[in-house]
Amino acid sequence: MENLDILEARLELRFNNLSLLKETLTHDSYINENPSPVAASNERLEFLGDAILGAIIAEKLYRDFPEFAEGKLTRFRSLLVRGATLARLAKSMCLGDFLYLGKGEESTGGRQKPANLASVLEALVAAIYLDQGMDASKNFVLKLFENEIEGIIKSKIAIDYKSRLMHFTQAQYQETPGYRIVAASGPDHARHFTAEALLGQKVLGEGSGSSKKEAETAAARAALEALASLHGDTSLLD
């Protein structure tokens, strides 16, 4: 296991209470094999960190995306705080190298198990909060998740509108929508596309953007707006 000074340097933090950092890194398998009346696993910190992390991400999404309804905010928060995302971020920080593991857990690759990595990251968020307060915890989380938030928002908005349109038309009309590019203009470095969302030969909506994907996304949203008005179902745009 790596030296904790190295981890603190990597985190750009100095813990006032180093026992909190040690508890963060302690897997229950280690406690089972090394019982101690004063040592504890990171499970309680994980519980607290899950709540703190969810609140920080929820506030970030709420403030930065006022156009998102509750349903969409919930979906994006779930994507950001799910185990796979946390494990990937923990792995990027090499947190697994610092874990206290029992021999059995060590021998089965416990340092790279997604569940262990996700848990230690949640515990770390709680430890920073308890040691240095909410501002420090928030700064750590927002810096760590900056690229994740940007990437997920950009990639999932397109999928969200297009998949929602597909699910609705399949349920309502037993048909799958299609898309076609009806116009393209501008030089290579500043292209502009216009797309139509179709159901059979009927145009449901039209949209434009700087790429074919953006134009199709805009067309899907326009189609959802038209269908929401037609069916009196504003939840299509949540």
Protein backbone atom coordinates (compact mmCIF):
# COMPACT_ATOMS: atom_id res chain seq x y z
CA MET A 1 0.00 0.00 0.00
CA GLU A 2 1.22 3.49 -0.87
CA ASN A 3 2.24 6.12 1.69
CA LEU A 4 -0.60 8.42 2.80
CA ASP A 5 1.59 11.48 2.25
CA ILE A 6 1.54 10.62 -1.44
CA LEU A 7 -2.24 10.45 -1.42
CA GLU A 8 -2.57 13.78 0.39
CA ALA A 9 -0.26 15.38 -2.17
CA ARG A 10 -2.34 13.90 -4.97
CA LEU A 11 -5.53 15.21 -3.38
CA GLU A 12 -3.87 18.58 -2.71
CA LEU A 13 -5.21 18.33 0.84
CA ARG A 14 -3.72 17.96 4.29
CA PHE A 15 -5.99 16.20 6.77
CA ASN A 16 -6.21 17.66 10.26
CA ASN A 17 -7.39 14.26 11.50
CA LEU A 18 -5.39 11.61 9.68
CA SER A 19 -7.46 8.84 11.25
CA LEU A 20 -10.36 9.94 9.04
CA LEU A 21 -8.27 9.34 5.95
CA LYS A 22 -7.19 5.94 7.26
CA GLU A 23 -10.82 5.02 7.97
CA THR A 24 -11.71 6.13 4.44
CA LEU A 25 -9.28 3.60 3.03
CA THR A 26 -10.17 0.70 5.33
CA HIS A 27 -12.21 -2.08 3.72
CA ASP A 28 -14.34 -4.23 6.02
CA SER A 29 -12.26 -7.29 5.03
CA TYR A 30 -9.26 -5.68 6.73
CA ILE A 31 -11.21 -5.17 9.96
CA ASN A 32 -12.45 -8.75 9.84
CA GLU A 33 -8.88 -10.03 9.70
CA ASN A 34 -7.42 -7.39 12.01
CA PRO A 35 -10.07 -6.70 14.69
CA SER A 36 -9.49 -3.61 16.80
CA PRO A 37 -11.71 -1.71 19.24
CA VAL A 38 -10.64 1.62 17.73
CA ALA A 39 -10.40 0.85 14.01
CA ALA A 40 -13.44 0.99 11.72
CA SER A 41 -14.16 0.25 8.08
CA ASN A 42 -15.22 2.94 5.62
CA GLU A 43 -18.85 1.80 5.49
CA ARG A 44 -20.22 4.58 7.73
CA LEU A 45 -18.24 7.22 5.85
CA GLU A 46 -19.53 5.76 2.60
CA PHE A 47 -23.11 6.24 3.83
CA LEU A 48 -22.49 9.90 4.67
CA GLY A 49 -20.47 10.55 1.54
CA ASP A 50 -23.23 9.19 -0.69
CA ALA A 51 -25.63 11.81 0.71
CA ILE A 52 -23.12 14.67 0.52
CA LEU A 53 -22.04 13.81 -3.00
CA GLY A 54 -25.65 13.59 -4.18
CA ALA A 55 -26.46 16.97 -2.67
CA ILE A 56 -23.42 18.69 -4.21
CA ILE A 57 -24.13 17.30 -7.67
CA ALA A 58 -27.84 18.09 -7.36
CA GLU A 59 -27.10 21.72 -6.46
CA LYS A 60 -24.62 22.03 -9.33
CA LEU A 61 -27.17 20.75 -11.86
CA TYR A 62 -29.95 22.88 -10.36
CA ARG A 63 -27.93 26.10 -10.61
CA ASP A 64 -26.26 25.47 -13.97
CA PHE A 65 -29.25 24.10 -15.89
CA PRO A 66 -32.36 26.13 -14.99
CA GLU A 67 -34.05 24.89 -18.17
CA PHE A 68 -34.04 21.27 -16.95
CA ALA A 69 -37.20 19.94 -15.30
CA GLU A 70 -37.08 17.72 -12.22
CA GLY A 71 -37.15 14.48 -14.19
CA LYS A 72 -34.14 15.40 -16.31
CA LEU A 73 -32.18 16.69 -13.32
CA THR A 74 -32.79 13.38 -11.58
CA ARG A 75 -31.62 11.37 -14.58
CA PHE A 76 -28.39 13.35 -14.94
CA ARG A 77 -27.64 13.17 -11.22
CA SER A 78 -28.12 9.40 -11.33
CA LEU A 79 -25.67 9.10 -14.22
CA LEU A 80 -23.08 11.17 -12.38
CA VAL A 81 -23.24 9.44 -8.99
CA ARG A 82 -23.75 5.86 -10.18
CA GLY A 83 -21.19 3.28 -9.19
CA ALA A 84 -19.56 2.99 -12.62
CA THR A 85 -18.82 6.73 -12.74
CA LEU A 86 -17.47 6.81 -9.19
CA ALA A 87 -15.29 3.76 -9.81
CA ARG A 88 -13.82 5.31 -12.95
CA LEU A 89 -12.97 8.54 -11.13
CA ALA A 90 -11.50 6.67 -8.16
CA LYS A 91 -9.38 4.60 -10.53
CA SER A 92 -8.09 7.76 -12.23
CA MET A 93 -6.84 8.88 -8.80
CA CYS A 94 -5.32 5.44 -8.08
CA LEU A 95 -7.30 5.23 -4.82
CA GLY A 96 -7.18 1.46 -4.99
CA ASP A 97 -3.42 1.57 -4.36
CA PHE A 98 -4.04 3.02 -0.90
CA LEU A 99 -6.73 0.62 0.36
CA TYR A 100 -6.33 -1.44 3.53
CA LEU A 101 -7.59 -4.86 2.46
CA GLY A 102 -7.80 -8.29 4.02
CA LYS A 103 -5.64 -10.98 2.46
CA GLY A 104 -8.62 -12.67 0.82
CA GLU A 105 -9.88 -9.45 -0.75
CA GLU A 106 -6.36 -8.57 -1.86
CA SER A 107 -5.88 -11.93 -3.54
CA THR A 108 -9.09 -11.56 -5.55
CA GLY A 109 -8.16 -8.19 -7.06
CA GLY A 110 -9.93 -6.03 -4.49
CA ARG A 111 -7.90 -2.94 -5.33
CA GLN A 112 -9.51 -2.76 -8.77
CA LYS A 113 -13.04 -3.91 -7.95
CA PRO A 114 -15.53 -1.22 -9.06
CA ALA A 115 -17.60 -1.58 -5.87
CA ASN A 116 -14.57 -0.99 -3.65
CA LEU A 117 -13.43 1.99 -5.72
CA ALA A 118 -16.86 3.60 -5.71
CA SER A 119 -17.15 3.09 -1.97
CA VAL A 120 -13.77 4.62 -1.15
CA LEU A 121 -14.55 7.70 -3.22
CA GLU A 122 -17.85 8.25 -1.38
CA ALA A 123 -16.05 7.74 1.92
CA LEU A 124 -13.39 10.25 0.90
CA VAL A 125 -16.02 12.91 0.19
CA ALA A 126 -17.39 12.38 3.71
CA ALA A 127 -13.95 12.43 5.30
CA ILE A 128 -13.10 15.75 3.66
CA TYR A 129 -16.44 17.14 4.84
CA LEU A 130 -15.89 16.02 8.44
CA ASP A 131 -12.27 17.17 8.50
CA GLN A 132 -12.53 20.49 6.65
CA GLY A 133 -16.18 21.37 6.11
CA MET A 134 -18.65 21.55 3.27
CA ASP A 135 -16.78 24.15 1.20
CA ALA A 136 -13.70 21.93 0.97
CA SER A 137 -15.81 18.90 0.14
CA LYS A 138 -17.72 20.82 -2.52
CA ASN A 139 -14.53 22.17 -4.09
CA PHE A 140 -13.09 18.67 -4.26
CA VAL A 141 -16.23 17.16 -5.81
CA LEU A 142 -16.81 19.89 -8.38
CA LYS A 143 -13.20 19.85 -9.55
CA LEU A 144 -13.21 16.06 -9.79
CA PHE A 145 -16.53 15.91 -11.64
CA GLU A 146 -16.03 18.90 -13.93
CA ASN A 147 -15.30 16.90 -17.08
CA GLU A 148 -17.85 14.23 -16.20
CA ILE A 149 -20.64 16.79 -15.91
CA GLU A 150 -19.73 18.45 -19.20
CA GLY A 151 -19.35 15.16 -21.04
CA ILE A 152 -22.52 13.54 -19.77
CA ILE A 153 -24.65 16.60 -20.40
CA LYS A 154 -23.38 16.98 -23.97
CA SER A 155 -23.64 13.31 -24.89
CA LYS A 156 -26.92 12.48 -23.18
CA ILE A 157 -29.05 15.44 -24.27
CA ALA A 158 -29.00 14.18 -27.85
CA ILE A 159 -29.73 10.62 -26.77
CA ASP A 160 -32.47 11.81 -24.43
CA TYR A 161 -34.56 13.71 -26.98
CA LYS A 162 -34.15 11.16 -29.75
CA SER A 163 -34.80 8.16 -27.53
CA ARG A 164 -37.81 9.83 -25.93
CA LEU A 165 -39.28 10.54 -29.35
CA MET A 166 -38.64 6.95 -30.41
CA HIS A 167 -40.26 5.48 -27.30
CA PHE A 168 -43.30 7.72 -27.63
CA THR A 169 -43.92 7.07 -31.32
CA GLN A 170 -43.45 3.34 -30.89
CA ALA A 171 -45.94 3.28 -28.01
CA GLN A 172 -48.44 5.67 -29.60
CA TYR A 173 -48.18 4.84 -33.31
CA GLN A 174 -46.20 1.56 -33.42
CA GLU A 175 -43.67 3.29 -35.67
CA THR A 176 -40.04 4.37 -35.28
CA PRO A 177 -39.12 7.92 -36.29
CA GLY A 178 -36.48 8.66 -38.90
CA TYR A 179 -34.34 11.68 -39.75
CA ARG A 180 -33.16 13.31 -42.93
CA ILE A 181 -30.85 16.24 -43.61
CA VAL A 182 -32.69 18.70 -45.84
CA ALA A 183 -30.12 21.48 -46.04
CA ALA A 184 -26.39 22.03 -45.52
CA SER A 185 -24.51 25.27 -45.93
CA GLY A 186 -21.42 27.19 -44.90
CA PRO A 187 -17.67 26.56 -45.18
CA ASP A 188 -16.08 23.45 -43.71
CA HIS A 189 -15.13 25.20 -40.47
CA ALA A 190 -18.63 26.63 -39.93
CA ARG A 191 -21.14 24.17 -41.37
CA HIS A 192 -24.87 24.58 -40.73
CA PHE A 193 -27.32 21.70 -41.12
CA THR A 194 -31.10 21.47 -41.08
CA ALA A 195 -32.81 18.18 -40.29
CA GLU A 196 -36.36 16.86 -40.21
CA ALA A 197 -37.76 14.26 -37.82
CA LEU A 198 -40.14 12.01 -39.71
CA LEU A 199 -42.80 9.44 -38.95
CA GLY A 200 -43.22 7.68 -42.23
CA GLN A 201 -43.46 10.57 -44.68
CA LYS A 202 -44.93 13.01 -42.15
CA VAL A 203 -42.60 15.71 -40.82
CA LEU A 204 -42.90 15.87 -37.03
CA GLY A 205 -40.35 18.61 -36.46
CA GLU A 206 -37.45 20.52 -37.93
CA GLY A 207 -34.23 21.72 -36.35
CA SER A 208 -30.78 23.00 -37.17
CA GLY A 209 -27.27 22.87 -35.77
CA SER A 210 -23.56 22.96 -36.51
CA SER A 211 -23.46 19.18 -37.06
CA LYS A 212 -25.87 16.59 -38.40
CA LYS A 213 -26.24 15.18 -34.88
CA GLU A 214 -27.12 18.58 -33.41
CA ALA A 215 -29.63 19.21 -36.20
CA GLU A 216 -31.31 15.84 -35.62
CA THR A 217 -31.42 16.49 -31.87
CA ALA A 218 -33.07 19.87 -32.47
CA ALA A 219 -35.55 18.23 -34.86
CA ALA A 220 -36.38 15.59 -32.24
CA ARG A 221 -37.02 18.28 -29.63
CA ALA A 222 -39.24 20.20 -32.06
CA ALA A 223 -41.15 16.98 -32.76
CA LEU A 224 -41.61 16.36 -29.03
CA GLU A 225 -42.90 19.91 -28.57
CA ALA A 226 -45.43 19.39 -31.36
CA LEU A 227 -46.53 16.02 -29.97
CA ALA A 228 -46.76 17.41 -26.43
CA SER A 229 -49.11 20.12 -27.73
CA LEU A 230 -51.13 17.62 -29.79
CA HIS A 231 -51.56 15.11 -26.97
CA GLY A 232 -51.61 17.58 -24.07
CA ASP A 233 -48.66 15.78 -22.48
CA THR A 234 -46.01 18.22 -21.26
CA SER A 235 -44.07 15.37 -19.57
CA LEU A 236 -42.56 14.64 -22.99
CA LEU A 237 -40.30 17.64 -22.46
CA ASP A 238 -39.34 17.01 -18.81
